[in-house]
N, C-alpha and C. Protein backbone atom coordinates (compact mmCIF):
# COMPACT_ATOMS: atom_id res chain seq x y z
N MET A 1 110.22 91.83 103.31
CA MET A 1 109.99 92.84 104.05
C MET A 1 109.22 92.20 105.75
N PHE A 2 108.31 91.22 105.79
CA PHE A 2 107.76 90.09 106.63
C PHE A 2 108.71 90.00 107.69
N GLN A 3 109.65 89.70 106.85
CA GLN A 3 110.55 89.08 108.05
C GLN A 3 111.26 90.67 108.88
N GLN A 4 111.57 91.49 108.22
CA GLN A 4 112.37 92.80 109.16
C GLN A 4 110.90 92.86 109.94
N THR A 5 110.22 92.83 109.50
CA THR A 5 108.86 93.81 110.51
C THR A 5 108.62 92.40 111.68
N ILE A 6 108.99 91.54 111.58
CA ILE A 6 108.87 90.34 112.72
C ILE A 6 110.20 90.87 113.64
N GLN A 7 111.41 90.89 112.96
CA GLN A 7 112.37 91.38 113.83
C GLN A 7 112.08 92.76 114.51
N ASP A 8 111.76 93.70 113.97
CA ASP A 8 111.09 94.85 114.86
C ASP A 8 110.51 94.94 115.60
N VAL A 9 109.26 93.73 115.68
CA VAL A 9 108.47 93.38 116.91
C VAL A 9 108.83 92.98 118.30
N LEU A 10 110.06 92.00 117.49
CA LEU A 10 110.72 91.23 118.76
C LEU A 10 111.60 92.37 119.01
N ALA A 11 112.04 93.19 118.67
CA ALA A 11 113.30 93.94 118.97
C ALA A 11 112.44 95.04 120.26
N LEU A 12 111.03 95.13 119.52
CA LEU A 12 110.50 96.45 120.64
C LEU A 12 110.22 96.03 121.75
N THR A 13 109.43 95.06 122.21
CA THR A 13 108.91 93.54 122.71
C THR A 13 110.17 93.59 123.92
N GLU A 14 111.18 92.97 123.20
CA GLU A 14 112.27 93.33 124.35
C GLU A 14 112.75 94.22 124.99
N SER A 15 112.36 95.04 124.06
CA SER A 15 113.40 96.73 124.93
C SER A 15 111.73 97.52 125.44
N SER A 16 110.98 96.23 126.07
CA SER A 16 110.07 97.80 126.60
C SER A 16 109.76 97.55 127.98
N GLY A 17 110.95 97.30 128.35
CA GLY A 17 111.07 97.40 130.59
C GLY A 17 110.86 99.36 130.74
N ARG A 18 111.47 100.10 130.25
CA ARG A 18 111.59 101.26 130.21
C ARG A 18 110.89 102.03 129.19
N ALA A 19 110.35 103.22 129.07
CA ALA A 19 109.92 103.90 127.82
C ALA A 19 110.90 104.38 127.17
N GLU A 20 112.18 104.87 127.78
CA GLU A 20 113.06 105.53 127.23
C GLU A 20 113.73 104.56 126.50
N ASP A 21 114.10 103.26 126.90
CA ASP A 21 114.45 102.11 126.02
C ASP A 21 113.72 101.59 124.74
N LEU A 22 112.10 101.73 125.01
CA LEU A 22 111.70 101.35 124.19
C LEU A 22 111.83 102.59 123.00
N LEU A 23 111.58 103.83 123.38
CA LEU A 23 111.58 104.73 122.49
C LEU A 23 113.40 104.67 121.57
N ALA A 24 114.45 104.59 122.46
CA ALA A 24 115.58 104.65 121.49
C ALA A 24 115.59 103.18 120.54
N CYS A 25 114.86 102.11 121.04
CA CYS A 25 114.59 100.97 119.95
C CYS A 25 113.94 101.44 118.91
N ALA A 26 112.57 102.17 119.13
CA ALA A 26 111.97 102.69 118.19
C ALA A 26 112.72 103.62 117.08
N ARG A 27 113.56 104.65 117.76
CA ARG A 27 114.42 105.02 116.78
C ARG A 27 115.11 104.36 115.73
N THR A 28 115.98 103.17 116.47
CA THR A 28 116.81 102.35 115.68
C THR A 28 115.98 101.60 114.47
N ARG A 29 114.95 100.79 115.01
CA ARG A 29 114.12 100.35 114.07
C ARG A 29 113.82 101.12 113.04
N ILE A 30 113.13 102.60 113.15
CA ILE A 30 112.66 103.21 112.14
C ILE A 30 113.42 103.41 111.35
N GLY A 31 114.95 103.66 112.16
CA GLY A 31 116.07 104.40 110.77
C GLY A 31 116.35 103.26 109.64
N GLU A 32 116.44 102.16 110.58
CA GLU A 32 116.83 101.01 109.53
C GLU A 32 116.04 101.10 108.27
N CYS A 33 114.36 101.65 108.38
CA CYS A 33 114.16 101.59 107.17
C CYS A 33 113.69 102.55 106.62
N GLU A 34 113.43 103.83 107.25
CA GLU A 34 113.32 104.94 106.55
C GLU A 34 114.20 106.61 107.22
N ARG A 35 114.81 107.14 106.53
CA ARG A 35 115.63 108.33 106.88
C ARG A 35 114.22 109.44 107.62
N PHE A 36 115.03 109.94 108.52
CA PHE A 36 113.80 110.88 109.38
C PHE A 36 115.11 111.50 110.06
N GLU A 37 114.45 112.86 110.48
CA GLU A 37 114.97 113.38 111.52
C GLU A 37 114.83 113.99 113.23
N ALA A 38 112.85 113.63 112.56
CA ALA A 38 112.38 114.32 114.19
C ALA A 38 111.18 113.15 113.91
N ALA A 39 110.97 112.77 115.27
CA ALA A 39 109.89 111.58 115.17
C ALA A 39 108.89 111.37 116.84
N VAL A 40 107.89 111.39 116.72
CA VAL A 40 107.18 111.35 118.36
C VAL A 40 105.97 110.23 118.02
N VAL A 41 105.16 109.91 118.85
CA VAL A 41 104.14 109.18 118.89
C VAL A 41 103.31 109.95 120.00
N VAL A 42 102.22 110.13 118.96
CA VAL A 42 101.19 111.12 119.84
C VAL A 42 99.73 110.43 119.87
N VAL A 43 99.74 110.43 121.64
CA VAL A 43 98.40 109.86 122.13
C VAL A 43 97.29 110.86 122.82
N ARG A 44 96.11 110.24 122.64
CA ARG A 44 94.95 111.50 122.79
C ARG A 44 93.96 110.15 123.97
N VAL A 45 94.31 110.62 124.89
CA VAL A 45 93.35 109.69 126.04
C VAL A 45 92.50 110.50 126.90
N ALA A 46 91.31 110.07 126.68
CA ALA A 46 90.19 111.02 127.08
C ALA A 46 90.15 112.80 126.16
N SER A 47 90.56 113.42 126.90
CA SER A 47 91.09 115.11 126.63
C SER A 47 92.16 115.19 126.61
N VAL A 48 93.35 114.64 127.14
CA VAL A 48 94.59 114.73 126.92
C VAL A 48 95.38 114.05 125.85
N VAL A 49 96.15 115.30 125.59
CA VAL A 49 97.38 114.76 124.72
C VAL A 49 98.58 114.47 125.10
N ARG A 50 99.37 113.15 124.80
CA ARG A 50 100.88 113.04 125.34
C ARG A 50 101.49 112.91 124.37
N THR A 51 102.75 113.28 124.31
CA THR A 51 103.53 113.04 123.19
C THR A 51 104.84 112.26 124.14
N PHE A 52 105.26 111.42 123.14
CA PHE A 52 106.42 110.77 123.15
C PHE A 52 107.43 110.77 122.31
N THR A 53 108.42 111.28 122.88
CA THR A 53 109.26 111.31 121.55
C THR A 53 110.54 110.63 121.31
N ILE A 54 110.98 110.25 120.06
CA ILE A 54 111.52 109.53 119.65
C ILE A 54 112.74 110.28 118.83
N ALA A 55 112.40 111.21 118.55
CA ALA A 55 113.82 111.98 117.98
C ALA A 55 113.08 113.36 117.97
N PRO A 56 113.83 113.86 118.67
CA PRO A 56 113.79 115.67 119.18
C PRO A 56 113.10 116.39 117.75
N GLY A 57 112.24 117.45 117.79
CA GLY A 57 112.21 118.30 116.69
C GLY A 57 110.47 118.26 116.06
N LEU A 58 109.58 117.52 116.86
CA LEU A 58 107.91 117.86 116.86
C LEU A 58 107.89 117.51 117.92
N ALA A 59 108.19 118.36 119.26
CA ALA A 59 107.59 118.29 120.19
C ALA A 59 105.73 118.79 120.44
N ASP A 60 105.86 120.03 119.77
CA ASP A 60 104.84 120.60 120.17
C ASP A 60 103.47 120.42 119.16
N ILE A 61 103.83 119.41 118.21
CA ILE A 61 102.52 119.01 117.41
C ILE A 61 101.30 118.20 117.24
N GLY A 62 101.27 117.71 118.57
CA GLY A 62 100.30 116.75 119.00
C GLY A 62 99.02 116.71 118.09
N THR A 63 98.35 117.93 119.23
CA THR A 63 97.24 117.98 119.17
C THR A 63 97.06 118.81 117.63
N TRP A 64 97.73 119.32 116.96
CA TRP A 64 97.56 119.70 115.40
C TRP A 64 97.75 118.40 114.45
N ALA A 65 98.50 117.15 114.70
CA ALA A 65 98.90 116.36 113.85
C ALA A 65 97.71 115.39 113.76
N LEU A 66 96.75 115.30 115.13
CA LEU A 66 95.67 114.13 114.63
C LEU A 66 94.58 115.21 114.66
N GLY A 67 94.57 116.49 114.56
CA GLY A 67 93.61 117.11 113.98
C GLY A 67 93.50 116.77 112.58
N GLU A 68 94.82 117.31 111.96
CA GLU A 68 94.96 117.39 110.49
C GLU A 68 94.85 115.55 110.25
N LEU A 69 95.22 114.54 110.85
CA LEU A 69 94.98 113.44 110.70
C LEU A 69 93.33 113.27 109.89
N GLY A 70 92.85 113.56 110.60
CA GLY A 70 91.12 113.18 110.96
C GLY A 70 90.79 111.53 110.92
N GLU A 71 89.94 111.65 109.66
CA GLU A 71 89.48 110.09 110.09
C GLU A 71 90.73 109.61 108.77
N GLU A 72 91.65 109.94 108.26
CA GLU A 72 92.38 109.36 107.41
C GLU A 72 93.68 108.39 108.14
N MET A 73 93.57 107.42 107.11
CA MET A 73 95.26 106.57 107.85
C MET A 73 96.61 106.94 107.57
N THR A 74 96.61 108.03 106.65
CA THR A 74 97.52 108.17 106.47
C THR A 74 97.59 109.83 106.05
N LEU A 75 98.51 110.28 106.36
CA LEU A 75 98.80 112.17 105.86
C LEU A 75 99.97 112.19 105.41
N ARG A 76 100.46 112.58 104.21
CA ARG A 76 101.79 112.88 104.03
C ARG A 76 102.21 114.14 103.47
N LEU A 77 102.83 114.85 103.77
CA LEU A 77 102.67 116.69 103.71
C LEU A 77 104.32 116.76 102.82
N ASP A 78 104.49 117.00 101.66
CA ASP A 78 106.06 116.44 101.09
C ASP A 78 106.72 118.03 100.82
N THR A 79 106.25 119.11 101.31
CA THR A 79 106.60 120.53 101.13
C THR A 79 106.33 121.85 102.08
N THR A 80 107.09 122.37 101.84
CA THR A 80 106.85 124.05 102.93
C THR A 80 105.45 124.18 102.84
N THR A 81 105.32 124.67 101.50
CA THR A 81 103.76 124.90 100.91
C THR A 81 102.86 124.07 101.62
N ASP A 82 102.84 122.79 101.47
CA ASP A 82 102.00 121.84 101.95
C ASP A 82 101.96 122.53 103.49
N LEU A 83 102.69 122.13 104.44
CA LEU A 83 103.16 122.21 105.83
C LEU A 83 102.27 123.94 106.35
N GLN A 84 102.88 124.57 105.42
CA GLN A 84 102.18 126.20 105.64
C GLN A 84 100.71 126.19 105.13
N ALA A 85 100.41 125.51 104.31
CA ALA A 85 98.83 125.44 103.77
C ALA A 85 97.73 124.98 104.86
N ARG A 86 98.41 123.94 105.86
CA ARG A 86 97.85 123.38 106.92
C ARG A 86 97.95 124.12 108.25
N GLY A 87 98.77 124.85 108.36
CA GLY A 87 99.12 125.71 109.51
C GLY A 87 100.00 124.93 110.62
N PHE A 88 100.74 124.45 109.90
CA PHE A 88 101.96 123.57 110.71
C PHE A 88 102.60 124.33 111.98
N PRO A 89 102.36 123.99 112.90
CA PRO A 89 102.92 124.78 114.22
C PRO A 89 104.20 124.61 114.45
N GLY A 90 105.02 123.50 113.93
CA GLY A 90 106.48 122.59 113.92
C GLY A 90 107.44 123.83 113.63
N GLU A 91 108.62 123.57 113.86
CA GLU A 91 110.13 124.18 113.79
C GLU A 91 109.92 124.41 112.42
N THR A 92 110.59 125.27 111.75
CA THR A 92 110.71 126.06 110.00
C THR A 92 111.55 124.66 109.52
N ALA A 93 112.62 124.25 110.30
CA ALA A 93 113.12 123.26 109.61
C ALA A 93 112.94 122.18 108.91
N ILE A 94 111.90 121.36 109.34
CA ILE A 94 110.74 120.39 108.83
C ILE A 94 110.15 120.97 107.68
N THR A 95 110.66 119.93 106.39
CA THR A 95 109.71 120.43 105.31
C THR A 95 108.83 118.95 104.60
N SER A 96 108.83 118.03 105.43
CA SER A 96 108.63 117.34 104.81
C SER A 96 107.72 116.11 106.18
N LEU A 97 106.50 115.85 105.88
CA LEU A 97 106.22 115.02 107.43
C LEU A 97 105.13 114.18 107.03
N LEU A 98 105.57 112.92 107.75
CA LEU A 98 104.37 111.42 107.42
C LEU A 98 103.74 111.54 108.80
N ILE A 99 102.41 111.07 108.89
CA ILE A 99 101.39 111.05 110.03
C ILE A 99 100.96 109.96 109.72
N LEU A 100 101.35 108.67 110.35
CA LEU A 100 100.43 107.51 110.13
C LEU A 100 99.34 106.78 111.55
N ARG A 101 98.56 106.50 111.13
CA ARG A 101 97.34 106.73 112.35
C ARG A 101 97.97 105.62 112.82
N VAL A 102 98.02 105.22 114.47
CA VAL A 102 97.91 103.76 115.25
C VAL A 102 96.99 104.07 116.10
N ALA A 103 96.61 102.66 116.24
CA ALA A 103 95.40 102.75 117.51
C ALA A 103 95.41 101.68 118.28
N SER A 104 94.49 102.11 119.84
CA SER A 104 94.72 101.01 120.78
C SER A 104 93.39 101.14 121.54
N SER A 105 92.72 100.04 122.04
CA SER A 105 91.66 100.00 122.47
C SER A 105 91.50 101.11 123.58
N ASP A 106 92.67 101.74 124.21
CA ASP A 106 92.70 102.82 125.23
C ASP A 106 92.78 104.24 125.05
N THR A 107 93.02 104.57 123.59
CA THR A 107 92.79 105.57 123.06
C THR A 107 91.95 106.19 122.67
N ALA A 108 91.56 107.78 122.36
CA ALA A 108 90.84 108.37 121.47
C ALA A 108 91.67 108.88 119.98
N GLY A 109 92.81 108.36 120.18
CA GLY A 109 93.32 108.84 118.50
C GLY A 109 94.79 108.60 119.06
N ALA A 110 96.02 108.42 117.80
CA ALA A 110 96.98 108.17 118.26
C ALA A 110 97.57 108.29 116.87
N ALA A 111 99.25 108.90 116.57
CA ALA A 111 99.68 108.49 115.65
C ALA A 111 101.47 108.62 115.71
N LEU A 112 102.04 108.26 114.96
CA LEU A 112 103.15 108.12 114.37
C LEU A 112 103.87 109.01 113.57
N VAL A 113 104.74 110.52 113.88
CA VAL A 113 105.04 111.15 113.08
C VAL A 113 106.33 111.12 112.92
N LEU A 114 106.54 111.42 111.46
CA LEU A 114 108.11 111.92 111.24
C LEU A 114 108.15 112.91 110.68
N GLY A 115 109.37 113.60 110.91
CA GLY A 115 109.73 114.84 109.97
C GLY A 115 110.71 114.76 109.54
N HIS A 116 110.88 115.71 108.41
CA HIS A 116 112.37 115.72 107.81
C HIS A 116 112.73 116.90 107.10
N SER A 117 113.77 117.40 106.88
CA SER A 117 114.18 118.93 106.20
C SER A 117 114.07 118.80 104.77
N ARG A 118 114.41 117.67 104.30
CA ARG A 118 114.39 117.25 102.89
C ARG A 118 112.74 117.23 102.40
N ALA A 119 112.57 117.88 101.33
CA ALA A 119 111.23 118.25 100.61
C ALA A 119 110.90 116.26 100.44
N TRP A 120 109.54 115.98 99.97
CA TRP A 120 109.16 114.49 99.55
C TRP A 120 110.42 113.47 100.03
N SER A 121 110.24 113.66 101.44
CA SER A 121 111.73 112.43 102.17
C SER A 121 110.68 111.27 102.10
N PHE A 122 109.37 111.54 102.25
CA PHE A 122 108.89 109.73 102.57
C PHE A 122 107.77 109.50 101.38
N ALA A 123 108.12 109.81 99.94
CA ALA A 123 107.06 109.61 98.95
C ALA A 123 107.72 107.73 98.90
N GLY A 124 108.38 107.43 99.36
CA GLY A 124 108.79 105.88 99.19
C GLY A 124 108.73 105.13 100.54
N ALA A 125 108.10 105.50 101.36
CA ALA A 125 107.72 105.25 102.78
C ALA A 125 107.75 103.70 103.06
N PRO A 126 107.99 102.78 103.83
CA PRO A 126 107.52 101.42 104.16
C PRO A 126 105.99 101.63 104.96
N LEU A 127 105.38 102.29 104.22
CA LEU A 127 104.33 102.75 105.23
C LEU A 127 103.80 101.42 106.47
N SER A 128 103.41 100.10 105.94
CA SER A 128 103.26 98.67 106.89
C SER A 128 104.34 98.48 107.48
N ARG A 129 105.26 98.67 107.99
CA ARG A 129 106.24 98.58 108.45
C ARG A 129 106.52 99.78 109.26
N LEU A 130 106.52 100.65 108.92
CA LEU A 130 106.26 101.90 109.90
C LEU A 130 104.93 101.86 110.94
N ARG A 131 103.87 101.53 110.16
CA ARG A 131 102.40 101.79 110.92
C ARG A 131 102.92 100.68 112.02
N THR A 132 103.37 99.65 111.29
CA THR A 132 103.36 98.15 112.58
C THR A 132 104.34 98.65 113.93
N ILE A 133 105.54 99.51 113.79
CA ILE A 133 106.58 99.73 114.58
C ILE A 133 105.43 100.95 115.48
N GLY A 134 105.29 101.95 114.61
CA GLY A 134 103.96 102.52 115.65
C GLY A 134 103.03 101.95 116.29
N GLN A 135 102.50 100.97 116.34
CA GLN A 135 101.45 100.34 116.82
C GLN A 135 101.74 99.44 118.24
N VAL A 136 103.02 98.73 117.92
CA VAL A 136 103.70 98.15 119.20
C VAL A 136 103.81 99.16 119.96
N VAL A 137 105.00 100.38 119.34
CA VAL A 137 105.13 101.18 120.74
C VAL A 137 104.03 101.84 121.36
N LEU A 138 103.02 102.28 120.37
CA LEU A 138 101.79 102.78 121.36
C LEU A 138 101.51 101.33 122.42
N ARG A 139 101.27 100.58 121.58
CA ARG A 139 100.63 99.49 122.75
C ARG A 139 101.38 99.03 123.99
N LEU A 140 102.83 99.36 123.81
CA LEU A 140 103.61 99.09 124.86
C LEU A 140 103.59 100.21 125.80
N LEU A 141 103.58 101.60 125.13
CA LEU A 141 103.56 102.76 126.37
C LEU A 141 102.16 102.85 126.92
N VAL A 142 100.93 102.72 126.20
CA VAL A 142 99.55 102.75 126.89
C VAL A 142 99.26 101.20 127.28
N ALA A 143 99.43 101.10 128.89
CA ALA A 143 99.17 99.82 129.13
C ALA A 143 97.56 99.98 129.04
N PRO A 144 97.01 98.71 128.58
CA PRO A 144 95.12 98.62 128.31
C PRO A 144 94.87 99.19 129.99
N LYS A 145 93.02 99.44 129.69
CA LYS A 145 92.39 99.55 130.84
C LYS A 145 92.34 97.95 131.76
N SER A 146 92.35 97.06 131.29
CA SER A 146 92.41 96.05 132.20
C SER A 146 93.39 95.38 133.12
N GLY A 147 93.99 96.47 133.13
CA GLY A 147 95.49 96.35 134.35
C GLY A 147 96.62 95.53 133.81
N SER A 148 96.62 95.23 132.89
CA SER A 148 97.51 94.69 131.82
C SER A 148 98.90 95.69 131.99
N SER A 149 100.23 94.84 132.09
CA SER A 149 101.28 95.73 132.47
C SER A 149 101.92 95.69 131.25
N PRO A 150 102.83 96.42 130.89
CA PRO A 150 103.68 96.63 129.56
C PRO A 150 104.00 95.10 129.31
N ASP A 151 104.63 94.67 130.25
CA ASP A 151 105.14 93.05 130.40
C ASP A 151 104.05 91.97 129.35
N ASP A 152 102.98 92.43 130.14
CA ASP A 152 101.98 91.63 129.55
C ASP A 152 101.49 91.97 128.13
N GLU A 153 101.42 92.98 127.69
CA GLU A 153 101.69 93.15 126.43
C GLU A 153 102.80 92.88 125.59
N ALA A 154 103.73 92.97 126.17
CA ALA A 154 104.72 92.39 125.15
C ALA A 154 104.60 91.13 125.28
N LEU A 155 104.23 89.91 126.19
CA LEU A 155 103.99 88.94 125.72
C LEU A 155 102.84 88.58 124.95
N LYS A 156 102.28 89.48 124.79
CA LYS A 156 100.67 89.12 123.83
C LYS A 156 101.62 89.08 122.49
N LEU A 157 102.52 90.33 122.26
CA LEU A 157 103.03 90.75 120.85
C LEU A 157 104.08 89.57 120.76
N ARG A 158 104.86 89.00 121.61
CA ARG A 158 105.42 87.44 121.22
C ARG A 158 104.27 86.63 120.94
N ASN A 159 103.59 86.29 121.49
CA ASN A 159 102.71 85.51 121.22
C ASN A 159 102.13 85.24 119.55
N GLU A 160 101.92 86.81 119.10
CA GLU A 160 101.51 87.01 117.88
C GLU A 160 102.65 86.80 117.04
N VAL A 161 103.49 87.43 117.14
CA VAL A 161 104.80 87.48 116.43
C VAL A 161 104.93 85.54 116.04
N THR A 162 104.87 84.90 117.24
CA THR A 162 105.40 82.96 117.03
C THR A 162 103.93 82.82 116.24
N ARG A 163 102.75 82.87 116.28
CA ARG A 163 101.20 82.72 115.60
C ARG A 163 101.88 82.92 113.77
N LEU A 164 102.66 84.25 113.90
CA LEU A 164 102.61 84.51 112.56
C LEU A 164 103.47 83.85 111.90
N ARG A 165 104.84 83.69 112.38
CA ARG A 165 105.48 83.07 112.09
C ARG A 165 104.96 81.49 111.25
N ALA A 166 104.51 80.86 112.22
CA ALA A 166 104.20 79.61 111.93
C ALA A 166 103.19 79.68 110.60
N HIS A 167 102.36 80.63 110.64
CA HIS A 167 101.33 81.06 109.56
C HIS A 167 102.41 81.29 108.14
N VAL A 168 103.18 81.86 108.57
CA VAL A 168 104.31 82.23 107.27
C VAL A 168 105.21 80.98 106.99
N ALA A 169 105.36 80.02 107.90
CA ALA A 169 106.05 78.31 107.49
C ALA A 169 105.02 77.64 106.77
N THR A 170 103.83 77.48 107.06
CA THR A 170 102.64 77.17 106.88
C THR A 170 102.62 77.46 104.96
N LEU A 171 102.43 78.79 104.91
CA LEU A 171 102.12 79.47 103.66
C LEU A 171 103.33 78.58 102.66
N GLU A 172 104.59 78.82 102.95
CA GLU A 172 105.85 78.74 102.46
C GLU A 172 105.75 77.22 102.01
N ASN A 173 105.65 76.46 102.97
CA ASN A 173 105.33 74.88 102.34
C ASN A 173 104.10 74.94 101.55
N GLU A 174 102.74 75.45 101.46
CA GLU A 174 102.07 75.56 100.39
C GLU A 174 102.67 75.65 99.12
N VAL A 175 103.26 77.10 98.99
CA VAL A 175 104.35 77.42 97.85
C VAL A 175 105.33 76.23 97.47
N ILE A 176 105.99 75.72 97.99
CA ILE A 176 106.94 74.60 97.83
C ILE A 176 105.86 73.33 97.06
N ALA A 177 104.63 72.95 97.61
CA ALA A 177 103.92 71.92 97.27
C ALA A 177 103.63 72.23 95.72
N LEU A 178 102.87 73.50 96.15
CA LEU A 178 102.36 73.78 94.40
C LEU A 178 103.43 74.33 93.02
N ARG A 179 104.57 74.43 93.45
CA ARG A 179 105.71 74.63 92.76
C ARG A 179 105.75 73.07 92.30
N ALA A 180 106.42 72.12 93.19
CA ALA A 180 106.24 71.00 92.82
C ALA A 180 105.12 70.08 92.06
N ASP A 181 104.14 70.43 92.57
CA ASP A 181 102.57 69.76 91.27
C ASP A 181 102.95 70.58 90.29
N ARG A 182 103.50 71.66 89.99
CA ARG A 182 103.41 72.18 88.17
C ARG A 182 105.12 71.70 87.59
N LYS A 183 105.65 71.31 88.14
CA LYS A 183 106.66 70.66 87.88
C LYS A 183 106.45 69.28 87.10
N LYS A 184 105.42 68.50 87.99
CA LYS A 184 105.02 67.43 87.34
C LYS A 184 104.22 67.46 86.33
N SER A 185 103.37 68.64 86.14
CA SER A 185 102.42 68.69 85.03
C SER A 185 103.16 68.70 83.81
């Protein structure tokens, strides 16, 4: 799964020229690991909440989603009853909802929100991979206050992926060495 996540990051950084391209790439990358029907990235900067649509169907839930997430890292609502109990303001076709906190130093709160019409849709979702995708999309959509451009953010992410690949290679070599030592014993 780690290699797939690296591929996700690379694909997203390569598509970071325009927001539309980035969101289309995010839709593809999320769809490769989890079925969903609607998806947004919700961002609060100061008192303004912005919604970036990955797949239509959750347009007006930004403030609600961030409020329901509160201080939690993840919120999964699996049935219509769960959604109604929390006052879900979105379309009635959505039965299952996954809200993952993503963060950036330039935001007062952000989340990746996925919706599906099937109950319990996100019970086995790969949260780490989804959160990474959401995190990268957020970083590329919201340029840092330091004046960095989305291209600078893409370069930083590419450098981080290179560092992680080198670390993986080191760990793989250690595993090979440990296996060889075990066989000698």
